[in-house]
Amino acid sequence: MVSIKMFDVAPYEIDAIENWAAEHQVKVDYEREPLTLDNIESVKGYDGLSLSHNGPFDHEIYRILESYGIKQIAQRSAGFDMYDLEAAKAHHLIITTVPSYSPSSIAEYAVTGALYFVRQFPLIKQRMTKHNFVWDAPLISRPVKDLTVAIIGVGRIGSISAQLFSNFGCKVVGYDIEPKPELDDVVEFKATLEEAIAEADIVSLHVPGNKDTYHMFDEATFKQLKEGVIFVNCARGMVVETQGLLDALNSGKVSGAVIDTYENEAQYFRRDFSNQTVEDDTLLELIEREDVLASPHIAFFTHEAVKNLAEGGLNSTMEVLETGDAQSRVN
């Protein structure tokens, strides 16, 4: 019987994993902890490997996995920036991802977060807490239908975000490195990032994290935005230079920011620090600011996504074991 070892398994994944294992007659063992040099010996004897790794990945692991006869690593996410793809390839390891597990979930979160600031919910909550029930100018918002939204990265998630904003009556402009003529009736595409963001009231990011998008939004980019823009990042943390964002918030260039991902999130996100000290002052500032809606990389987190991620990682593992390759291979 084929055997697969899974790491980084959360309790909410277990039903999907066990149902898949029973249906496919495959032995699947799992543990909560990530794969490290300290526990890598537990992989010995298994045919396949699935991870949901977050943060740095020790290069020595590639060499050891090769020595165990492991042919692949099935990452249970769309992102793969934690891996050195060339190092993995040098050790004959195929890296796969789950490129699409619930794009609508992430798109819905991005739109919801934007509306949170459009309709002044932080200020309403603050006023209500203080029993201040006055109607005055700071509470007035513009109708959503009158806003221009820039979608940066019009792929699986970005295209759904664009459609949702369009359904509200928004003007939607977009920027993507690949033409998307099938979306011309929804999105007005711009040739450059600068053109796309120039007149936007809301900017929503949906690009992958890689060397080309690293700090795509830095101090210089933020300065090109309109005054008072709402900024949404449900993509990858590395796409945004956090200090540049904070400066834009402090200057009023950005009036509200939805930050589901953070460039230094690996040490903290998915872990309980209720009784521990968070030593990242920048993360603490993001959490504490009323003009920031911060969340722990959770925009995807729906029942549909959890099931599709667990099954996607296992399906990719089997595909490599049975064919020697996989459609979702990234190296």
Protein backbone atom coordinates (compact mmCIF):
# COMPACT_ATOMS: atom_id res chain seq x y z
CA MET A 1 0.00 0.00 0.00
CA VAL A 2 1.22 3.50 -0.84
CA SER A 3 2.05 5.57 2.23
CA ILE A 4 2.11 9.36 2.55
CA LYS A 5 3.40 11.48 5.42
CA MET A 6 1.84 14.88 6.07
CA PHE A 7 3.19 17.68 8.24
CA ASP A 8 1.66 20.97 9.44
CA VAL A 9 -1.72 19.25 9.74
CA ALA A 10 -4.33 21.21 11.68
CA PRO A 11 -7.30 19.54 13.41
CA TYR A 12 -9.74 21.02 10.90
CA GLU A 13 -7.98 19.13 8.06
CA ILE A 14 -8.25 15.67 9.58
CA ASP A 15 -11.73 14.70 8.36
CA ALA A 16 -10.84 15.56 4.76
CA ILE A 17 -7.53 13.68 5.01
CA GLU A 18 -9.04 10.53 6.51
CA ASN A 19 -11.93 10.50 4.03
CA TRP A 20 -9.48 10.84 1.14
CA ALA A 21 -7.25 8.06 2.53
CA ALA A 22 -10.18 5.67 2.88
CA GLU A 23 -11.51 6.46 -0.60
CA HIS A 24 -8.11 5.98 -2.29
CA GLN A 25 -6.89 3.07 -0.15
CA VAL A 26 -3.69 4.92 0.77
CA LYS A 27 -2.01 4.99 4.16
CA VAL A 28 -1.78 8.60 5.33
CA ASP A 29 -0.08 9.54 8.58
CA TYR A 30 0.13 13.11 9.79
CA GLU A 31 1.41 15.33 12.53
CA ARG A 32 0.85 18.88 13.67
CA GLU A 33 4.47 20.04 13.60
CA PRO A 34 6.30 21.31 10.51
CA LEU A 35 9.01 19.25 8.85
CA THR A 36 12.43 20.14 10.28
CA LEU A 37 15.84 18.56 10.61
CA ASP A 38 14.81 17.44 14.11
CA ASN A 39 11.94 15.24 12.89
CA ILE A 40 12.93 14.41 9.32
CA GLU A 41 13.82 10.81 10.20
CA SER A 42 10.08 10.16 10.62
CA VAL A 43 9.77 10.43 6.81
CA LYS A 44 11.82 7.26 6.30
CA GLY A 45 9.80 4.48 4.71
CA TYR A 46 7.11 6.71 3.21
CA ASP A 47 6.47 7.08 -0.50
CA GLY A 48 5.19 10.65 -0.57
CA LEU A 49 5.23 13.89 1.37
CA SER A 50 2.76 16.76 1.80
CA LEU A 51 3.49 19.97 3.72
CA SER A 52 1.81 23.25 4.52
CA HIS A 53 5.08 24.96 5.29
CA ASN A 54 5.27 28.59 6.34
CA GLY A 55 8.59 30.38 6.71
CA PRO A 56 12.21 29.41 5.99
CA PHE A 57 12.92 25.88 4.75
CA ASP A 58 16.34 24.39 5.56
CA HIS A 59 18.20 23.43 2.37
CA GLU A 60 19.66 20.34 4.04
CA ILE A 61 16.15 18.87 4.05
CA TYR A 62 16.25 18.51 0.26
CA ARG A 63 19.38 16.38 0.40
CA ILE A 64 18.02 14.15 3.14
CA LEU A 65 14.69 13.62 1.42
CA GLU A 66 16.51 12.54 -1.73
CA SER A 67 18.51 10.04 0.29
CA TYR A 68 15.21 8.60 1.61
CA GLY A 69 13.93 8.11 -1.92
CA ILE A 70 11.32 10.87 -1.69
CA LYS A 71 10.52 12.29 -5.14
CA GLN A 72 8.26 15.22 -4.31
CA ILE A 73 6.98 17.81 -1.84
CA ALA A 74 3.29 18.65 -2.18
CA GLN A 75 2.77 22.08 -0.66
CA ARG A 76 -0.82 22.65 0.46
CA SER A 77 -1.05 26.27 -0.62
CA ALA A 78 -0.83 28.37 -3.77
CA GLY A 79 2.30 30.13 -2.53
CA PHE A 80 5.71 28.46 -2.78
CA ASP A 81 8.15 31.28 -1.97
CA MET A 82 9.36 29.33 1.09
CA TYR A 83 11.14 26.83 -1.18
CA ASP A 84 14.35 27.13 -3.19
CA LEU A 85 13.06 25.60 -6.40
CA GLU A 86 16.47 25.12 -7.98
CA ALA A 87 17.87 23.44 -4.86
CA ALA A 88 14.89 21.11 -4.77
CA LYS A 89 15.30 20.31 -8.46
CA ALA A 90 19.01 19.61 -7.94
CA HIS A 91 17.96 16.89 -5.49
CA HIS A 92 15.35 15.49 -7.91
CA LEU A 93 12.41 16.76 -5.88
CA ILE A 94 9.26 17.95 -7.63
CA ILE A 95 7.52 20.81 -5.81
CA THR A 96 3.78 21.05 -6.36
CA THR A 97 1.18 23.48 -5.04
CA VAL A 98 -2.59 23.77 -4.93
CA PRO A 99 -2.97 26.75 -7.25
CA SER A 100 -6.75 27.08 -6.94
CA TYR A 101 -8.60 25.92 -3.85
CA SER A 102 -11.27 28.58 -3.31
CA PRO A 103 -10.55 31.81 -5.18
CA SER A 104 -14.02 33.13 -4.42
CA SER A 105 -13.33 32.91 -0.66
CA ILE A 106 -10.30 35.21 -0.96
CA ALA A 107 -12.06 37.57 -3.35
CA GLU A 108 -15.06 37.85 -1.02
CA TYR A 109 -12.75 38.65 1.89
CA ALA A 110 -10.98 41.37 -0.09
CA VAL A 111 -14.26 43.01 -1.07
CA THR A 112 -15.66 42.72 2.47
CA GLY A 113 -12.54 44.34 3.91
CA ALA A 114 -12.71 47.21 1.44
CA LEU A 115 -16.37 47.86 2.29
CA TYR A 116 -15.46 47.86 5.99
CA PHE A 117 -13.54 51.08 5.42
CA VAL A 118 -15.77 52.54 2.68
CA ARG A 119 -18.72 52.61 5.09
CA GLN A 120 -16.69 53.89 8.07
CA PHE A 121 -17.23 50.84 10.30
CA PRO A 122 -14.17 51.48 12.50
CA LEU A 123 -15.36 54.99 13.35
CA ILE A 124 -18.97 53.85 13.82
CA LYS A 125 -17.83 51.18 16.28
CA GLN A 126 -15.64 53.66 18.14
CA ARG A 127 -18.47 56.20 18.37
CA MET A 128 -21.01 53.62 19.53
CA THR A 129 -18.64 52.34 22.21
CA LYS A 130 -18.42 55.89 23.57
CA HIS A 131 -22.21 56.35 23.27
CA ASN A 132 -21.71 59.14 20.76
CA PHE A 133 -24.73 58.84 18.46
CA VAL A 134 -24.25 62.10 16.54
CA TRP A 135 -24.51 62.19 12.75
CA ASP A 136 -21.70 64.36 11.38
CA ALA A 137 -19.31 64.71 8.45
CA PRO A 138 -16.67 62.11 9.47
CA LEU A 139 -19.31 59.37 9.24
CA ILE A 140 -20.41 60.22 5.71
CA SER A 141 -19.29 57.75 3.05
CA ARG A 142 -19.50 57.64 -0.73
CA PRO A 143 -21.78 55.11 -2.40
CA VAL A 144 -19.76 52.09 -3.44
CA LYS A 145 -21.14 52.37 -6.98
CA ASP A 146 -19.33 55.70 -7.39
CA LEU A 147 -15.86 54.30 -6.66
CA THR A 148 -13.04 53.27 -8.95
CA VAL A 149 -11.31 50.01 -8.01
CA ALA A 150 -7.88 48.94 -9.24
CA ILE A 151 -7.32 45.18 -9.32
CA ILE A 152 -3.60 44.42 -9.42
CA GLY A 153 -3.22 40.86 -10.68
CA VAL A 154 -6.32 39.77 -12.58
CA GLY A 155 -5.98 36.02 -12.29
CA ARG A 156 -8.22 33.47 -10.61
CA ILE A 157 -8.82 35.58 -7.50
CA GLY A 158 -8.44 39.01 -9.03
CA SER A 159 -10.98 38.30 -11.76
CA ILE A 160 -13.60 37.27 -9.19
CA SER A 161 -12.82 40.35 -7.10
CA ALA A 162 -13.25 42.48 -10.21
CA GLN A 163 -16.64 40.90 -10.94
CA LEU A 164 -17.84 41.41 -7.36
CA PHE A 165 -16.86 45.08 -7.36
CA SER A 166 -18.42 45.47 -10.80
CA ASN A 167 -21.67 44.02 -9.46
CA PHE A 168 -21.77 46.94 -7.01
CA GLY A 169 -21.54 49.31 -9.95
CA CYS A 170 -17.89 50.26 -9.45
CA LYS A 171 -15.62 51.22 -12.30
CA VAL A 172 -12.98 48.49 -12.30
CA VAL A 173 -9.53 48.99 -13.80
CA GLY A 174 -6.85 46.33 -13.82
CA TYR A 175 -3.19 45.61 -14.34
CA ASP A 176 -1.77 42.21 -15.19
CA ILE A 177 1.35 41.01 -16.99
CA GLU A 178 -0.82 38.82 -19.23
CA PRO A 179 -3.69 40.12 -21.39
CA LYS A 180 -7.17 39.00 -20.32
CA PRO A 181 -9.44 39.86 -23.27
CA GLU A 182 -12.21 37.65 -21.85
CA LEU A 183 -12.60 40.20 -19.01
CA ASP A 184 -12.76 43.32 -21.17
CA ASP A 185 -16.46 43.72 -20.42
CA VAL A 186 -15.70 43.91 -16.67
CA VAL A 187 -12.19 45.38 -16.40
CA GLU A 188 -10.62 48.35 -18.12
CA PHE A 189 -7.03 47.18 -18.44
CA LYS A 190 -4.13 49.60 -18.09
CA ALA A 191 -0.68 49.19 -19.61
CA THR A 192 1.21 49.98 -16.41
CA LEU A 193 0.78 49.67 -12.66
CA GLU A 194 1.07 53.44 -12.35
CA GLU A 195 -1.84 54.01 -14.75
CA ALA A 196 -4.00 51.46 -12.94
CA ILE A 197 -3.62 53.01 -9.49
CA ALA A 198 -3.63 56.67 -10.52
CA GLU A 199 -7.37 57.32 -10.07
CA ALA A 200 -8.33 54.38 -7.87
CA ASP A 201 -10.34 54.81 -4.67
CA ILE A 202 -9.65 51.18 -3.75
CA VAL A 203 -6.52 49.20 -4.67
CA SER A 204 -6.73 45.41 -4.23
CA LEU A 205 -3.67 43.19 -4.69
CA HIS A 206 -3.92 39.66 -6.10
CA VAL A 207 -0.44 38.98 -7.46
CA PRO A 208 1.87 36.04 -6.61
CA GLY A 209 4.89 36.50 -4.37
CA ASN A 210 8.15 36.29 -6.32
CA LYS A 211 11.27 38.28 -7.18
CA ASP A 212 9.32 40.35 -9.70
CA THR A 213 6.62 41.39 -7.22
CA TYR A 214 8.83 41.83 -4.14
CA HIS A 215 7.93 45.22 -2.62
CA MET A 216 5.86 46.08 -5.68
CA PHE A 217 4.17 48.55 -3.36
CA ASP A 218 6.96 50.51 -1.70
CA GLU A 219 7.30 54.12 -0.57
CA ALA A 220 7.53 55.37 -4.17
CA THR A 221 4.45 53.42 -5.30
CA PHE A 222 2.35 54.56 -2.35
CA LYS A 223 3.16 58.18 -3.19
CA GLN A 224 1.49 57.69 -6.58
CA LEU A 225 -1.89 56.86 -5.03
CA LYS A 226 -4.78 59.29 -4.66
CA GLU A 227 -5.32 60.83 -1.24
CA GLY A 228 -7.46 58.67 1.01
CA VAL A 229 -7.29 55.43 -0.96
CA ILE A 230 -8.35 52.13 0.62
CA PHE A 231 -5.59 49.53 0.23
CA VAL A 232 -6.19 45.77 0.30
CA ASN A 233 -3.54 43.05 0.37
CA CYS A 234 -4.92 39.52 0.29
CA ALA A 235 -1.98 38.37 -1.85
CA ARG A 236 1.48 37.74 -0.37
CA GLY A 237 3.14 39.75 2.39
CA MET A 238 6.35 40.28 0.43
CA VAL A 239 4.49 42.34 -2.17
CA VAL A 240 4.17 45.27 0.27
CA GLU A 241 6.95 47.21 1.96
CA THR A 242 5.31 47.56 5.36
CA GLN A 243 7.10 50.74 6.41
CA GLY A 244 6.04 52.35 3.16
CA LEU A 245 2.44 51.41 3.95
CA LEU A 246 2.68 52.80 7.48
CA ASP A 247 4.10 56.07 6.14
CA ALA A 248 1.21 56.25 3.66
CA LEU A 249 -1.29 55.69 6.48
CA ASN A 250 0.36 58.33 8.65
CA SER A 251 0.26 60.88 5.82
CA GLY A 252 -3.38 60.16 4.95
CA LYS A 253 -2.46 58.92 1.49
CA VAL A 254 -4.04 55.60 2.57
CA SER A 255 -7.17 56.03 4.68
CA GLY A 256 -7.63 52.36 5.49
CA ALA A 257 -5.69 49.15 4.87
CA VAL A 258 -6.85 45.54 4.82
CA ILE A 259 -3.75 43.47 5.56
CA ASP A 260 -4.31 39.73 5.51
CA THR A 261 -0.66 38.96 4.78
CA TYR A 262 2.49 40.46 6.27
CA GLU A 263 6.05 40.23 4.99
CA ASN A 264 7.38 38.95 8.34
CA GLU A 265 4.41 36.78 9.24
CA ALA A 266 6.13 33.38 9.36
CA GLN A 267 7.13 33.55 13.02
CA TYR A 268 3.64 34.40 14.22
CA PHE A 269 0.76 33.58 11.89
CA ARG A 270 -0.99 30.25 12.57
CA ARG A 271 0.41 30.22 16.12
CA ASP A 272 -1.18 31.17 19.44
CA PHE A 273 0.71 33.99 21.13
CA SER A 274 -2.01 34.75 23.70
CA ASN A 275 0.36 34.03 26.55
CA GLN A 276 3.58 34.95 24.78
CA THR A 277 5.28 38.19 23.83
CA VAL A 278 5.02 39.43 20.26
CA GLU A 279 8.37 41.11 19.70
CA ASP A 280 7.62 42.48 16.22
CA ASP A 281 6.76 46.14 16.84
CA THR A 282 5.66 46.63 13.24
CA LEU A 283 3.16 43.78 13.44
CA LEU A 284 1.88 45.14 16.75
CA GLU A 285 1.34 48.54 15.17
CA LEU A 286 -0.62 47.01 12.30
CA ILE A 287 -2.82 45.14 14.77
CA GLU A 288 -3.43 48.12 17.03
CA ARG A 289 -4.16 50.79 14.42
CA GLU A 290 -7.83 51.60 13.84
CA ASP A 291 -7.13 52.39 10.18
CA VAL A 292 -5.82 48.85 9.60
CA LEU A 293 -7.86 45.66 9.49
CA ALA A 294 -5.17 43.04 10.11
CA SER A 295 -5.78 39.29 9.94
CA PRO A 296 -3.49 36.23 10.07
CA HIS A 297 -3.45 35.15 6.39
CA ILE A 298 -6.95 33.83 6.76
CA ALA A 299 -8.82 35.24 3.74
CA PHE A 300 -9.01 31.76 2.17
CA PHE A 301 -10.29 30.08 5.35
CA THR A 302 -13.59 28.43 4.44
CA HIS A 303 -14.76 24.81 4.60
CA GLU A 304 -14.42 24.54 0.83
CA ALA A 305 -10.82 25.78 0.85
CA VAL A 306 -9.74 23.50 3.71
CA LYS A 307 -11.12 20.43 1.93
CA ASN A 308 -9.62 21.40 -1.43
CA LEU A 309 -6.19 22.12 0.06
CA ALA A 310 -5.99 18.81 1.92
CA GLU A 311 -7.18 16.80 -1.09
CA GLY A 312 -5.11 18.88 -3.52
CA GLY A 313 -1.88 18.11 -1.70
CA LEU A 314 -2.66 14.41 -1.57
CA ASN A 315 -3.78 14.26 -5.21
CA SER A 316 -0.57 15.96 -6.34
CA THR A 317 1.48 13.52 -4.29
CA MET A 318 -0.21 10.56 -5.97
CA GLU A 319 0.15 12.12 -9.41
CA VAL A 320 3.93 12.35 -9.01
CA LEU A 321 4.17 8.85 -7.57
CA GLU A 322 2.12 7.37 -10.42
CA THR A 323 3.36 9.41 -13.40
CA GLY A 324 6.64 11.00 -12.37
CA ASP A 325 5.28 14.51 -12.88
CA ALA A 326 2.33 16.76 -11.98
CA GLN A 327 0.28 19.50 -13.59
CA SER A 328 0.73 21.73 -10.54
CA ARG A 329 4.52 21.41 -10.56
CA VAL A 330 6.32 24.74 -9.98
CA ASN A 331 9.94 23.68 -10.57
